C-alpha atoms as a PDB file:
ATOM      1  CA  MET A   1     -40.174  24.365   5.725  1.00  0.00           C
ATOM      2  CA  PRO A   2     -39.213  27.398   3.684  1.00  0.00           C
ATOM      3  CA  LYS A   3     -35.560  28.391   3.777  1.00  0.00           C
ATOM      4  CA  VAL A   4     -35.022  31.935   5.011  1.00  0.00           C
ATOM      5  CA  VAL A   5     -31.969  33.944   3.962  1.00  0.00           C
ATOM      6  CA  MET A   6     -30.912  37.221   5.590  1.00  0.00           C
ATOM      7  CA  LEU A   7     -28.641  39.443   3.544  1.00  0.00           C
ATOM      8  CA  ALA A   8     -26.584  42.549   4.297  1.00  0.00           C
ATOM      9  CA  GLU A   9     -27.155  44.149   7.716  1.00  0.00           C
ATOM     10  CA  LEU A  10     -30.124  41.873   8.447  1.00  0.00           C
ATOM     11  CA  ALA A  11     -27.828  38.850   8.818  1.00  0.00           C
ATOM     12  CA  ALA A  12     -25.840  40.669  11.498  1.00  0.00           C
ATOM     13  CA  ILE A  13     -29.010  41.614  13.373  1.00  0.00           C
ATOM     14  CA  ALA A  14     -30.448  38.096  13.094  1.00  0.00           C
ATOM     15  CA  GLY A  15     -27.190  36.422  14.100  1.00  0.00           C
ATOM     16  CA  TRP A  16     -27.547  33.961  11.216  1.00  0.00           C
ATOM     17  CA  ARG A  17     -27.592  33.998   7.426  1.00  0.00           C
ATOM     18  CA  GLU A  18     -29.750  30.961   6.587  1.00  0.00           C
ATOM     19  CA  GLN A  19     -32.233  28.840   8.488  1.00  0.00           C
ATOM     20  CA  SER A  20     -35.522  27.032   7.952  1.00  0.00           C
ATOM     21  CA  CYS A  21     -38.718  28.380   9.441  1.00  0.00           C
ATOM     22  CA  ASP A  22     -42.154  26.786   9.525  1.00  0.00           C
ATOM     23  CA  ALA A  23     -44.450  29.452   8.039  1.00  0.00           C
ATOM     24  CA  ASP A  24     -47.459  29.407   5.725  1.00  0.00           C
ATOM     25  CA  SER A  25     -47.147  32.977   4.430  1.00  0.00           C
ATOM     26  CA  LEU A  26     -44.845  35.985   4.458  1.00  0.00           C
ATOM     27  CA  VAL A  27     -46.983  37.622   7.157  1.00  0.00           C
ATOM     28  CA  ASP A  28     -46.682  34.476   9.294  1.00  0.00           C
ATOM     29  CA  LEU A  29     -42.931  34.296   8.652  1.00  0.00           C
ATOM     30  CA  ARG A  30     -42.327  37.913   9.660  1.00  0.00           C
ATOM     31  CA  ALA A  31     -44.405  37.432  12.821  1.00  0.00           C
ATOM     32  CA  LYS A  32     -42.416  34.348  13.845  1.00  0.00           C
ATOM     33  CA  LEU A  33     -39.081  36.042  13.154  1.00  0.00           C
ATOM     34  CA  ALA A  34     -40.182  39.131  15.113  1.00  0.00           C
ATOM     35  CA  LYS A  35     -41.229  37.000  18.066  1.00  0.00           C
ATOM     36  CA  GLU A  36     -37.772  35.351  18.128  1.00  0.00           C
ATOM     37  CA  ASN A  37     -35.913  38.640  17.664  1.00  0.00           C
ATOM     38  CA  PRO A  38     -37.847  41.907  18.175  1.00  0.00           C
ATOM     39  CA  THR A  39     -35.015  44.026  16.738  1.00  0.00           C
ATOM     40  CA  LEU A  40     -35.036  41.943  13.575  1.00  0.00           C
ATOM     41  CA  GLY A  41     -38.824  42.195  13.484  1.00  0.00           C
ATOM     42  CA  GLU A  42     -38.614  45.989  13.529  1.00  0.00           C
ATOM     43  CA  LYS A  43     -36.144  45.983  10.651  1.00  0.00           C
ATOM     44  CA  LEU A  44     -38.219  43.522   8.603  1.00  0.00           C
ATOM     45  CA  SER A  45     -41.308  45.694   8.948  1.00  0.00           C
ATOM     46  CA  ALA A  46     -39.541  48.690   7.360  1.00  0.00           C
ATOM     47  CA  SER A  47     -40.820  49.565   3.911  1.00  0.00           C
ATOM     48  CA  ARG A  48     -37.313  49.622   2.457  1.00  0.00           C
ATOM     49  CA  VAL A  49     -36.695  45.928   3.137  1.00  0.00           C
ATOM     50  CA  MET A  50     -37.065  43.924  -0.056  1.00  0.00           C
ATOM     51  CA  VAL A  51     -38.463  40.387  -0.042  1.00  0.00           C
ATOM     52  CA  ILE A  52     -37.438  37.913  -2.702  1.00  0.00           C
ATOM     53  CA  VAL A  53     -39.217  34.569  -2.976  1.00  0.00           C
ATOM     54  CA  ASN A  54     -37.603  32.045  -5.290  1.00  0.00           C
ATOM     55  CA  ASP A  55     -35.616  34.787  -7.050  1.00  0.00           C
ATOM     56  CA  VAL A  56     -38.700  36.998  -7.627  1.00  0.00           C
ATOM     57  CA  LEU A  57     -39.210  40.332  -5.852  1.00  0.00           C
ATOM     58  CA  VAL A  58     -42.590  40.291  -4.094  1.00  0.00           C
ATOM     59  CA  HIS A  59     -44.702  42.912  -2.340  1.00  0.00           C
ATOM     60  CA  GLY A  60     -47.292  42.284   0.341  1.00  0.00           C
ATOM     61  CA  ASP A  61     -48.278  38.853   1.568  1.00  0.00           C
ATOM     62  CA  GLN A  62     -47.761  35.598  -0.281  1.00  0.00           C
ATOM     63  CA  ALA A  63     -48.410  31.968   0.578  1.00  0.00           C
ATOM     64  CA  LEU A  64     -45.257  29.926   1.126  1.00  0.00           C
ATOM     65  CA  ALA A  65     -44.545  26.313   0.208  1.00  0.00           C
ATOM     66  CA  THR A  66     -42.107  23.947   1.870  1.00  0.00           C
ATOM     67  CA  GLU A  67     -39.524  24.237  -0.917  1.00  0.00           C
ATOM     68  CA  ASP A  68     -39.577  28.051  -1.144  1.00  0.00           C
ATOM     69  CA  GLU A  69     -36.566  30.241  -0.463  1.00  0.00           C
ATOM     70  CA  VAL A  70     -37.303  33.626   1.059  1.00  0.00           C
ATOM     71  CA  ALA A  71     -34.583  36.282   1.128  1.00  0.00           C
ATOM     72  CA  PHE A  72     -34.766  39.571   2.989  1.00  0.00           C
ATOM     73  CA  ILE A  73     -32.411  42.367   1.954  1.00  0.00           C
ATOM     74  CA  THR A  74     -32.020  46.064   2.601  1.00  0.00           C
ATOM     75  CA  PRO A  75     -31.007  48.278  -0.309  1.00  0.00           C
ATOM     76  CA  VAL A  76     -27.260  48.586  -0.668  1.00  0.00           C
ATOM     77  CA  SER A  77     -25.685  51.750  -1.971  1.00  0.00           C
ATOM     78  CA  GLY A  78     -22.188  52.576  -2.979  1.00  0.00           C
ATOM     79  CA  GLY A  79     -20.127  53.476  -5.922  1.00  0.00           C
END
């Protein structure tokens, strides 16, 4: 199962930072996470949320393999 990592404010909304989730694609993963936590699902559907799979920024859908690591992060600003 892919490992899912929530960073920044998303970890607080999810109530966890890392967990495994059985999903075949990013679309499937987002749907499962949204079903578990509708508030998190809303945040993950925002266009500003970045998705990183195995240290590579991705856009749109992508197939997932068992050993993949998927990280969701919102942009962080500061100075």
